[in-house]
Protein backbone atom coordinates (compact mmCIF):
# COMPACT_ATOMS: atom_id res chain seq x y z
CA MET A 1 115.93 181.46 84.45
CA THR A 2 115.52 178.65 87.21
CA ALA A 3 118.30 175.97 88.54
CA GLU A 4 117.53 172.54 90.23
CA ARG A 5 120.12 171.01 92.80
CA THR A 6 119.92 168.83 95.81
CA VAL A 7 121.08 169.91 98.83
CA SER A 8 121.92 168.10 102.33
CA VAL A 9 119.62 168.83 104.75
CA ASP A 10 120.33 167.14 108.40
CA GLY A 11 121.97 164.52 106.41
CA SER A 12 119.00 163.77 104.03
CA PRO A 13 118.77 165.09 100.44
CA VAL A 14 116.23 167.68 99.47
CA ARG A 15 115.69 168.65 95.63
CA VAL A 16 115.45 172.30 95.30
CA THR A 17 114.42 174.36 92.61
CA GLU A 18 115.60 178.25 92.71
CA GLY A 19 115.39 181.13 90.34
CA GLY A 20 115.90 185.25 90.41
CA THR A 21 117.74 187.52 92.98
CA GLY A 22 117.19 189.51 95.67
CA PRO A 23 115.44 188.63 99.39
CA ALA A 24 114.61 185.20 99.82
CA VAL A 25 111.12 183.54 99.31
CA LEU A 26 110.81 180.00 100.15
CA LEU A 27 107.93 178.26 98.03
CA LEU A 28 106.04 175.05 100.05
CA HIS A 29 103.62 173.45 97.82
CA GLY A 30 100.72 171.49 98.61
CA SER A 31 99.80 167.56 99.49
CA GLY A 32 98.42 166.24 96.40
CA PRO A 33 100.20 162.98 94.54
CA GLY A 34 102.75 163.94 92.11
CA THR A 35 103.28 167.53 93.36
CA THR A 36 106.54 168.86 93.57
CA GLY A 37 108.52 172.39 93.91
CA SER A 38 109.13 172.93 90.44
CA GLY A 39 105.73 171.55 89.50
CA ALA A 40 103.80 173.82 91.52
CA TRP A 41 106.09 176.97 91.44
CA ALA A 42 107.61 177.31 87.63
CA ALA A 43 105.41 180.21 86.95
CA THR A 44 105.45 181.87 90.50
CA ILE A 45 109.21 181.75 89.94
CA ARG A 46 109.09 183.31 86.38
CA ALA A 47 106.90 186.33 87.43
CA LEU A 48 108.82 187.38 90.49
CA ALA A 49 112.70 186.37 89.56
CA GLY A 50 113.10 190.12 88.62
CA SER A 51 112.92 190.66 92.73
CA TRP A 52 113.44 188.23 94.91
CA HIS A 53 115.36 184.76 94.79
CA LEU A 54 112.82 181.85 94.94
CA VAL A 55 113.59 178.49 96.75
CA ALA A 56 110.94 176.03 95.82
CA PRO A 57 111.93 172.50 97.21
CA ASP A 58 110.23 169.43 97.02
CA GLN A 59 108.92 168.34 100.71
CA ALA A 60 110.26 164.98 101.97
CA GLY A 61 108.04 162.33 100.53
CA PHE A 62 107.64 164.38 97.40
CA GLY A 63 109.32 164.38 94.03
CA GLY A 64 113.06 164.21 94.35
CA THR A 65 113.38 164.06 98.13
CA PRO A 66 112.76 161.10 99.92
CA LEU A 67 111.14 160.84 103.49
CA PRO A 68 114.18 160.83 106.08
CA PRO A 69 115.19 157.54 107.51
CA ARG A 70 112.25 156.13 110.20
CA SER A 71 110.03 159.16 109.34
CA ARG A 72 106.46 159.04 107.63
CA GLY A 73 106.36 162.58 106.78
CA GLY A 74 104.14 165.23 108.93
CA LEU A 75 103.64 169.02 109.70
CA GLY A 76 106.56 168.33 112.41
CA VAL A 77 108.72 166.90 109.60
CA TRP A 78 108.23 169.22 107.03
CA THR A 79 108.57 172.24 109.46
CA GLU A 80 111.88 171.49 110.62
CA GLN A 81 113.25 170.32 107.24
CA ALA A 82 112.34 174.05 105.55
CA ALA A 83 113.75 175.75 108.79
CA ALA A 84 116.96 173.65 108.17
CA LEU A 85 117.30 174.11 104.20
CA MET A 86 116.57 177.73 104.55
CA ASP A 87 119.76 177.29 107.22
CA ALA A 88 121.70 175.25 104.74
CA LEU A 89 121.03 177.78 102.23
CA GLY A 90 122.39 180.57 104.28
CA HIS A 91 119.67 182.69 104.29
CA PRO A 92 119.22 184.53 107.51
CA SER A 93 115.68 185.87 106.91
CA TYR A 94 113.08 184.92 104.48
CA ALA A 95 109.52 184.81 103.43
CA VAL A 96 107.10 181.92 102.77
CA VAL A 97 104.48 181.14 101.04
CA GLY A 98 102.49 177.73 101.15
CA HIS A 99 99.82 176.39 99.68
CA SER A 100 97.32 174.17 100.86
CA MET A 101 99.34 171.59 103.04
CA GLY A 102 102.62 173.99 102.25
CA GLY A 103 100.06 176.84 104.08
CA ALA A 104 100.12 174.89 106.98
CA VAL A 105 103.86 174.50 107.10
CA ALA A 106 104.47 178.10 106.44
CA LEU A 107 102.68 179.20 109.82
CA ALA A 108 104.20 176.91 111.44
CA LEU A 109 107.41 177.78 110.45
CA ALA A 110 106.95 181.16 110.91
CA ALA A 111 105.79 180.19 114.61
CA ALA A 112 108.91 178.40 114.95
CA ARG A 113 111.23 180.77 113.54
CA PRO A 114 109.58 184.45 114.66
CA GLU A 115 113.35 186.13 114.28
CA GLN A 116 113.97 184.87 110.63
CA VAL A 117 110.52 184.76 108.70
CA THR A 118 109.29 188.19 107.82
CA HIS A 119 106.50 187.69 105.83
CA VAL A 120 103.91 184.73 105.31
CA VAL A 121 101.49 183.76 102.45
CA PRO A 122 99.29 180.50 102.81
CA VAL A 123 97.32 180.36 99.87
CA SER A 124 94.10 177.77 99.96
CA THR A 125 95.60 176.95 103.14
CA MET A 126 95.24 173.85 105.52
CA GLY A 127 96.04 174.16 109.20
CA ALA A 128 92.88 176.27 111.01
CA PRO A 129 91.82 174.38 113.78
CA GLY A 130 88.31 172.72 113.62
CA ALA A 131 88.71 172.71 110.04
CA PRO A 132 87.53 169.08 108.90
CA LEU A 133 89.07 166.82 106.32
CA SER A 134 86.99 167.61 102.95
CA ALA A 135 85.57 164.67 100.70
CA GLU A 136 87.26 166.46 97.83
CA LEU A 137 90.72 166.35 99.57
CA ASP A 138 90.08 163.25 100.40
CA ALA A 139 89.58 161.83 97.37
CA VAL A 140 92.87 163.73 96.09
CA TRP A 141 94.78 162.10 98.68
CA ALA A 142 93.05 158.74 96.85
CA ALA A 143 93.87 159.58 93.39
CA PRO A 144 95.13 156.74 91.74
CA ALA A 145 98.49 156.75 89.61
CA HIS A 146 97.22 156.73 86.52
CA GLU A 147 96.21 159.55 83.42
CA ASP A 148 92.12 159.06 84.76
CA GLY A 149 93.04 159.34 88.36
CA ALA A 150 94.98 162.63 87.24
CA ARG A 151 92.46 163.85 85.28
CA GLU A 152 89.99 163.55 88.05
CA MET A 153 91.67 164.81 90.48
CA LEU A 154 93.13 167.97 88.46
CA GLY A 155 89.51 168.52 87.79
CA ARG A 156 88.74 168.71 91.46
CA LEU A 157 91.83 171.60 92.02
CA VAL A 158 90.52 174.13 89.66
CA LEU A 159 87.31 175.75 88.97
CA ASP A 160 87.57 176.17 85.55
CA GLN A 161 87.73 172.82 83.62
CA SER A 162 89.17 173.93 80.68
CA LEU A 163 92.48 174.00 82.61
CA VAL A 164 92.50 170.35 82.82
CA THR A 165 94.47 169.85 79.55
CA GLU A 166 95.27 166.57 78.29
CA SER A 167 99.27 167.80 78.22
CA ALA A 168 98.62 168.88 82.14
CA VAL A 169 97.07 165.43 82.97
CA ALA A 170 99.87 163.74 80.92
CA ALA A 171 102.50 165.57 83.07
CA ARG A 172 100.58 165.19 86.29
CA SER A 173 100.09 161.22 85.89
CA ALA A 174 103.69 160.67 85.13
CA ALA A 175 104.78 162.56 88.31
CA MET A 176 102.24 160.10 90.28
CA ARG A 177 103.54 157.03 88.62
CA ALA A 178 107.42 158.40 89.54
CA GLY A 179 106.43 159.19 93.28
CA GLU A 180 103.33 156.51 93.97
CA ALA A 181 105.42 154.43 96.23
CA ALA A 182 106.51 157.19 98.75
CA PHE A 183 103.09 159.04 98.34
CA ALA A 184 101.61 155.59 99.56
CA THR A 185 103.25 155.92 102.87
CA LEU A 186 102.05 159.73 103.86
CA PHE A 187 98.21 159.32 103.86
CA PRO A 188 96.83 155.68 104.05
CA PRO A 189 93.34 155.68 105.24
CA PRO A 190 91.61 156.48 107.67
CA ARG A 191 93.10 160.02 106.36
CA ALA A 192 91.16 162.38 108.64
CA ARG A 193 94.22 161.43 111.15
CA TRP A 194 96.42 163.25 108.44
CA ALA A 195 93.99 166.38 108.71
CA VAL A 196 94.58 166.70 112.57
CA ASP A 197 98.31 166.11 111.89
CA LEU A 198 98.03 169.44 109.95
CA THR A 199 96.03 171.53 112.25
CA LEU A 200 97.78 174.13 114.25
CA SER A 201 97.23 174.84 117.71
CA VAL A 202 95.57 177.99 119.01
CA GLU A 203 98.87 178.66 120.83
CA THR A 204 101.19 178.15 117.69
CA LEU A 205 99.06 180.43 115.34
CA ALA A 206 99.51 183.06 118.05
CA ALA A 207 103.12 182.98 117.84
CA VAL A 208 103.23 184.12 114.47
CA ARG A 209 104.37 187.57 114.39
CA ALA A 210 105.09 187.90 110.64
CA PRO A 211 102.34 189.52 108.92
CA VAL A 212 100.27 187.34 107.10
CA LEU A 213 98.21 187.85 103.47
CA LEU A 214 95.45 184.61 103.49
CA VAL A 215 94.83 184.09 99.90
CA HIS A 216 91.96 182.06 98.70
CA GLY A 217 89.65 180.77 96.04
CA ALA A 218 85.82 181.70 96.80
CA GLN A 219 84.90 178.10 95.24
CA ASP A 220 87.64 176.01 96.69
CA ARG A 221 86.11 172.62 97.14
CA LEU A 222 88.80 170.99 99.08
CA THR A 223 89.84 173.79 101.83
CA PRO A 224 86.51 175.68 101.98
CA LEU A 225 86.61 179.29 102.93
CA ARG A 226 84.52 179.24 105.87
CA PRO A 227 85.68 176.69 107.79
CA ALA A 228 89.51 176.95 106.30
CA VAL A 229 90.34 180.47 106.49
CA LEU A 230 87.72 182.33 108.47
CA PRO A 231 88.94 180.86 111.70
CA LEU A 232 92.55 182.26 111.08
CA LEU A 233 91.34 185.66 110.86
CA ASP A 234 90.92 185.54 114.65
CA LEU A 235 93.98 183.45 115.72
CA LEU A 236 96.76 185.60 113.84
CA ALA A 237 98.21 189.08 114.89
CA ASP A 238 98.77 190.48 111.82
CA VAL A 239 96.71 189.35 109.03
CA ARG A 240 94.61 190.45 106.14
CA LEU A 241 92.59 188.03 103.80
CA HIS A 242 92.29 188.25 99.54
CA VAL A 243 89.20 186.22 98.17
CA LEU A 244 89.54 185.72 94.47
CA GLY A 245 85.85 185.06 92.38
CA ARG A 246 85.53 182.23 90.43
CA CYS A 247 88.70 180.32 91.74
CA GLY A 248 88.94 176.88 93.15
CA HIS A 249 91.83 175.43 94.99
CA ALA A 250 94.62 176.79 92.59
CA PRO A 251 94.84 180.74 92.59
CA ALA A 252 98.32 180.46 90.95
CA VAL A 253 97.10 178.49 88.37
CA GLU A 254 93.69 180.05 87.75
CA HIS A 255 94.41 184.03 88.38
CA PRO A 256 98.03 183.70 88.02
CA ASP A 257 98.42 187.77 87.15
CA ASP A 258 96.23 188.60 89.94
CA PHE A 259 97.98 185.87 92.21
CA HIS A 260 101.76 187.31 91.31
CA ARG A 261 100.65 191.12 91.78
CA LEU A 262 99.32 190.44 95.28
CA LEU A 263 102.59 188.26 96.14
CA SER A 264 104.71 191.25 94.67
CA ASP A 265 102.77 194.03 96.75
CA PHE A 266 103.09 192.31 99.72
CA LEU A 267 106.22 191.29 100.05
CA SER A 268 107.55 194.50 98.89
CA GLN A 269 105.93 195.84 102.23
CA ASP A 270 108.06 196.59 105.08
C-alpha cells in the first residue's frame, strides 16, 4: 500500500510517495526526462514494504516537485533537499538508495550526514571522479517529449528491448510532456558541465562512513562500469560491488528479483 503527499521542505513543496513500515529507506530517482519517485520505485516499495518504510520523493525539477525559487537544480540542491525532507518527516536515521544521478546524491548525502545515513546503495551511479558524460546519457538528457523520443530513450536504458512495451512508452511520454518545461532548465547543452556538477570530490567520497553497496549492470551504456564504478572501489572506506550480467542501466527493471534480494540482504545488515 502506497500513499502520495506533498511535504513542505524549507518552504518548497516536495511530492513524496511512501509505503511500508519499519526503518526508513530513502529512494532517489535518476535524471531522465519524465522520471518521478513513484515511477522509478513503485515495484521496490511493493517488494520491501513488509520490512521497511520507503520514501520516494520527486527531486526538485521532476514530477510534482518544482525547483526552489532562483534555483536550477544540481547536486547541492538535490542533496540539501533530500536531507531536509528526511528531517521534516522525522527520520533521525535512514538508509539511502539512489539510481544514476540519485546515486551521486545518495553518496553526497551520506558524506554530509554521516550520523544519520546507515547504508548507501548507489545503483548505476554517477559521481565518480573523472567519469565523462557518455554519448548515451547525453542523448537521454536530450530526448524529445513525444512517443518516439520516449521509445528511443527507454531503449537506451535497458539491454532487453522486450521491456520497452507500448504501455511503458505511453506512460513515459506522458510524464515527459508533463515535465517538459521544468526539465528543459536542468540539463541544457553543453551537457558535459552537468556531469561535472554531479561529480564527487575525493574528499567527499572519503567522508562517507556508512557501508556502501554498488549495484551495476555489466552492459550499462549510460554509466559504463569501468569509468563510472571501478574508481569508487578505491575511494570509499567500506564498499562492495555487485555486477549483474545481461543488464543495462536499470537493474530494478531488468532483474527485479535479484535487485530486491540484494537490497533486502544489505539493508538487514547492522
